[in-house]
């Protein structure tokens, strides 16, 4: 079967239920070649690098931090 021929596919596309992935080749082959032929792994690595450079994690609540400190100290004691 081909999902593109299904009535439900047409209905969902018309109602806006579709997604264009952020990674992957979405241009013609000529445009892709001119842009340097990045494959999905290259794009994923670039996206990961960008996230790691710009991500600011939310701070932990004090009670969560205290509990993690207890767990860490207990692990250190058990390790010797």
N, C-alpha and C. Protein backbone atom coordinates (compact mmCIF):
# COMPACT_ATOMS: atom_id res chain seq x y z
N UNK A 1 0.79 -1.18 0.00
CA UNK A 1 0.00 0.00 0.00
C UNK A 1 0.84 1.26 0.00
N UNK A 2 0.21 2.29 -0.47
CA UNK A 2 0.85 3.60 -0.52
C UNK A 2 -0.01 4.57 0.27
N UNK A 3 0.54 5.11 1.35
CA UNK A 3 -0.25 5.98 2.22
C UNK A 3 -0.69 7.26 1.51
N UNK A 4 0.02 7.65 0.45
CA UNK A 4 -0.34 8.89 -0.25
C UNK A 4 -1.69 8.76 -0.96
N UNK A 5 -2.10 7.55 -1.26
CA UNK A 5 -3.38 7.35 -1.93
C UNK A 5 -4.55 7.17 -0.98
N UNK A 6 -4.31 7.21 0.30
CA UNK A 6 -5.36 7.00 1.28
C UNK A 6 -6.16 8.29 1.54
N UNK A 7 -7.48 8.15 1.70
CA UNK A 7 -8.33 9.31 1.99
C UNK A 7 -7.92 9.99 3.28
N UNK A 8 -7.51 9.20 4.28
CA UNK A 8 -7.12 9.80 5.56
C UNK A 8 -5.88 10.68 5.41
N UNK A 9 -4.97 10.30 4.51
CA UNK A 9 -3.77 11.12 4.28
C UNK A 9 -4.16 12.46 3.69
N UNK A 10 -5.02 12.44 2.69
CA UNK A 10 -5.47 13.68 2.06
C UNK A 10 -6.18 14.56 3.09
N UNK A 11 -7.05 13.96 3.88
CA UNK A 11 -7.79 14.70 4.90
C UNK A 11 -6.83 15.35 5.90
N UNK A 12 -5.85 14.59 6.38
CA UNK A 12 -4.92 15.11 7.37
C UNK A 12 -4.02 16.21 6.80
N UNK A 13 -3.58 16.05 5.57
CA UNK A 13 -2.75 17.09 4.95
C UNK A 13 -3.56 18.37 4.78
N UNK A 14 -4.78 18.24 4.34
CA UNK A 14 -5.63 19.43 4.15
C UNK A 14 -5.93 20.13 5.47
N UNK A 15 -5.96 19.37 6.56
CA UNK A 15 -6.25 19.98 7.86
C UNK A 15 -4.99 20.50 8.54
N UNK A 16 -3.84 20.38 7.87
CA UNK A 16 -2.60 20.92 8.42
C UNK A 16 -1.80 19.93 9.24
N UNK A 17 -2.20 18.68 9.24
CA UNK A 17 -1.48 17.66 10.02
C UNK A 17 -0.38 17.03 9.20
N UNK A 18 0.70 17.77 9.02
CA UNK A 18 1.87 17.24 8.34
C UNK A 18 3.10 17.93 8.87
N UNK A 19 4.22 17.31 8.67
CA UNK A 19 5.46 17.78 9.28
C UNK A 19 6.59 17.73 8.26
N UNK A 20 7.36 18.79 8.20
CA UNK A 20 8.58 18.78 7.40
C UNK A 20 9.73 18.62 8.39
N UNK A 21 10.46 17.51 8.33
CA UNK A 21 11.56 17.30 9.27
C UNK A 21 12.61 18.39 9.16
N UNK A 22 13.25 18.71 10.27
CA UNK A 22 14.29 19.74 10.27
C UNK A 22 15.59 19.22 9.71
N UNK A 23 15.81 17.93 9.78
CA UNK A 23 17.03 17.33 9.25
C UNK A 23 16.70 16.56 7.98
N UNK A 24 17.66 16.51 7.08
CA UNK A 24 17.49 15.77 5.85
C UNK A 24 17.53 16.68 4.65
N UNK A 25 17.57 16.09 3.47
CA UNK A 25 17.66 16.84 2.22
C UNK A 25 16.24 17.16 1.75
N UNK A 26 15.98 18.45 1.56
CA UNK A 26 14.65 18.88 1.14
C UNK A 26 14.69 19.62 -0.19
N UNK A 27 15.86 19.74 -0.79
CA UNK A 27 16.02 20.46 -2.05
C UNK A 27 16.19 19.46 -3.19
N UNK A 28 16.34 20.02 -4.38
CA UNK A 28 16.66 19.19 -5.53
C UNK A 28 18.09 18.69 -5.38
N UNK A 29 18.45 17.68 -6.14
CA UNK A 29 19.81 17.16 -6.06
C UNK A 29 20.82 18.24 -6.43
N UNK A 30 20.51 19.07 -7.43
CA UNK A 30 21.42 20.14 -7.84
C UNK A 30 21.68 21.12 -6.71
N UNK A 31 20.65 21.53 -6.02
CA UNK A 31 20.82 22.46 -4.89
C UNK A 31 21.62 21.81 -3.78
N UNK A 32 21.36 20.54 -3.54
CA UNK A 32 22.07 19.80 -2.50
C UNK A 32 23.56 19.71 -2.83
N UNK A 33 23.88 19.42 -4.10
CA UNK A 33 25.28 19.33 -4.51
C UNK A 33 25.96 20.68 -4.36
N UNK A 34 25.30 21.76 -4.79
CA UNK A 34 25.88 23.11 -4.69
C UNK A 34 26.08 23.54 -3.24
N UNK A 35 25.25 23.02 -2.33
CA UNK A 35 25.36 23.43 -0.93
C UNK A 35 26.40 22.61 -0.16
N UNK A 36 27.08 21.69 -0.83
CA UNK A 36 28.16 20.94 -0.18
C UNK A 36 27.85 19.50 0.15
N UNK A 37 26.70 19.01 -0.26
CA UNK A 37 26.33 17.60 -0.09
C UNK A 37 26.34 17.13 1.36
N UNK A 38 25.86 17.94 2.26
CA UNK A 38 25.78 17.50 3.66
C UNK A 38 24.73 16.40 3.76
N UNK A 39 25.12 15.32 4.42
CA UNK A 39 24.12 14.27 4.64
C UNK A 39 23.47 14.49 6.01
N UNK A 40 22.54 13.63 6.34
CA UNK A 40 21.78 13.82 7.57
C UNK A 40 22.67 13.72 8.82
N UNK A 41 23.74 12.92 8.75
CA UNK A 41 24.65 12.82 9.89
C UNK A 41 25.42 14.11 10.10
N UNK A 42 25.86 14.74 8.99
CA UNK A 42 26.54 16.04 9.10
C UNK A 42 25.60 17.08 9.70
N UNK A 43 24.36 17.10 9.22
CA UNK A 43 23.38 18.05 9.75
C UNK A 43 23.11 17.79 11.23
N UNK A 44 23.01 16.53 11.61
CA UNK A 44 22.75 16.19 13.01
C UNK A 44 23.92 16.62 13.89
N UNK A 45 25.16 16.40 13.41
CA UNK A 45 26.32 16.82 14.20
C UNK A 45 26.34 18.33 14.39
N UNK A 46 26.03 19.07 13.32
CA UNK A 46 25.99 20.54 13.42
C UNK A 46 24.91 20.98 14.41
N UNK A 47 23.75 20.34 14.36
CA UNK A 47 22.65 20.68 15.27
C UNK A 47 23.05 20.38 16.71
N UNK A 48 23.69 19.25 16.93
CA UNK A 48 24.16 18.89 18.28
C UNK A 48 25.16 19.91 18.79
N UNK A 49 26.12 20.28 17.93
CA UNK A 49 27.12 21.28 18.33
C UNK A 49 26.45 22.60 18.71
N UNK A 50 25.46 23.02 17.92
CA UNK A 50 24.75 24.27 18.20
C UNK A 50 24.02 24.19 19.54
N UNK A 51 23.35 23.08 19.79
CA UNK A 51 22.62 22.91 21.05
C UNK A 51 23.58 22.94 22.23
N UNK A 52 24.70 22.21 22.11
CA UNK A 52 25.65 22.16 23.22
C UNK A 52 26.29 23.52 23.49
N UNK A 53 26.46 24.34 22.46
CA UNK A 53 27.06 25.67 22.65
C UNK A 53 26.08 26.66 23.26
N UNK A 54 24.78 26.49 23.00
CA UNK A 54 23.82 27.52 23.39
C UNK A 54 22.87 27.11 24.52
N UNK A 55 22.81 25.84 24.84
CA UNK A 55 21.83 25.36 25.83
C UNK A 55 22.15 25.88 27.23
N UNK A 56 21.16 26.40 27.88
CA UNK A 56 21.27 26.85 29.27
C UNK A 56 20.30 26.03 30.10
N UNK A 57 20.81 25.02 30.82
CA UNK A 57 19.89 24.18 31.61
C UNK A 57 19.22 24.97 32.72
N UNK A 58 18.01 24.59 33.04
CA UNK A 58 17.30 25.22 34.14
C UNK A 58 17.96 24.82 35.45
N UNK A 59 18.03 25.73 36.41
CA UNK A 59 18.64 25.38 37.69
C UNK A 59 17.76 24.38 38.45
N UNK A 60 18.42 23.54 39.24
CA UNK A 60 17.68 22.58 40.06
C UNK A 60 17.11 23.28 41.28
N UNK A 61 15.94 22.81 41.71
CA UNK A 61 15.37 23.30 42.97
C UNK A 61 16.31 22.92 44.10
N UNK A 62 16.29 23.71 45.17
CA UNK A 62 17.18 23.46 46.31
C UNK A 62 16.97 22.06 46.90
N UNK A 63 15.71 21.62 47.02
CA UNK A 63 15.47 20.30 47.61
C UNK A 63 16.02 19.18 46.72
N UNK A 64 15.95 19.36 45.41
CA UNK A 64 16.50 18.37 44.49
C UNK A 64 18.02 18.36 44.60
N UNK A 65 18.62 19.53 44.64
CA UNK A 65 20.08 19.64 44.78
C UNK A 65 20.54 18.99 46.09
N UNK A 66 19.82 19.25 47.18
CA UNK A 66 20.17 18.65 48.47
C UNK A 66 20.11 17.12 48.41
N UNK A 67 19.07 16.60 47.78
CA UNK A 67 18.93 15.15 47.68
C UNK A 67 20.06 14.55 46.83
N UNK A 68 20.42 15.21 45.75
CA UNK A 68 21.54 14.74 44.93
C UNK A 68 22.85 14.78 45.70
N UNK A 69 23.04 15.81 46.50
CA UNK A 69 24.25 15.89 47.34
C UNK A 69 24.31 14.71 48.32
N UNK A 70 23.17 14.36 48.91
CA UNK A 70 23.13 13.22 49.83
C UNK A 70 23.51 11.93 49.11
N UNK A 71 22.94 11.74 47.94
CA UNK A 71 23.22 10.53 47.16
C UNK A 71 24.70 10.48 46.79
N UNK A 72 25.25 11.60 46.38
CA UNK A 72 26.67 11.67 46.00
C UNK A 72 27.57 11.35 47.19
N UNK A 73 27.28 11.95 48.33
CA UNK A 73 28.09 11.71 49.53
C UNK A 73 28.03 10.25 49.96
N UNK A 74 26.84 9.66 49.89
CA UNK A 74 26.68 8.26 50.26
C UNK A 74 27.48 7.37 49.31
N UNK A 75 27.46 7.68 48.03
CA UNK A 75 28.22 6.90 47.04
C UNK A 75 29.71 7.02 47.29
N UNK A 76 30.17 8.22 47.66
CA UNK A 76 31.60 8.41 47.97
C UNK A 76 32.01 7.58 49.18
N UNK A 77 31.16 7.57 50.20
CA UNK A 77 31.45 6.80 51.42
C UNK A 77 31.53 5.30 51.11
N UNK A 78 30.61 4.83 50.28
CA UNK A 78 30.58 3.41 49.93
C UNK A 78 31.77 3.03 49.05
N UNK A 79 32.25 3.97 48.26
CA UNK A 79 33.39 3.70 47.37
C UNK A 79 34.70 3.67 48.14
N UNK A 80 34.69 4.26 49.32
CA UNK A 80 35.89 4.23 50.16
C UNK A 80 36.62 5.48 50.06
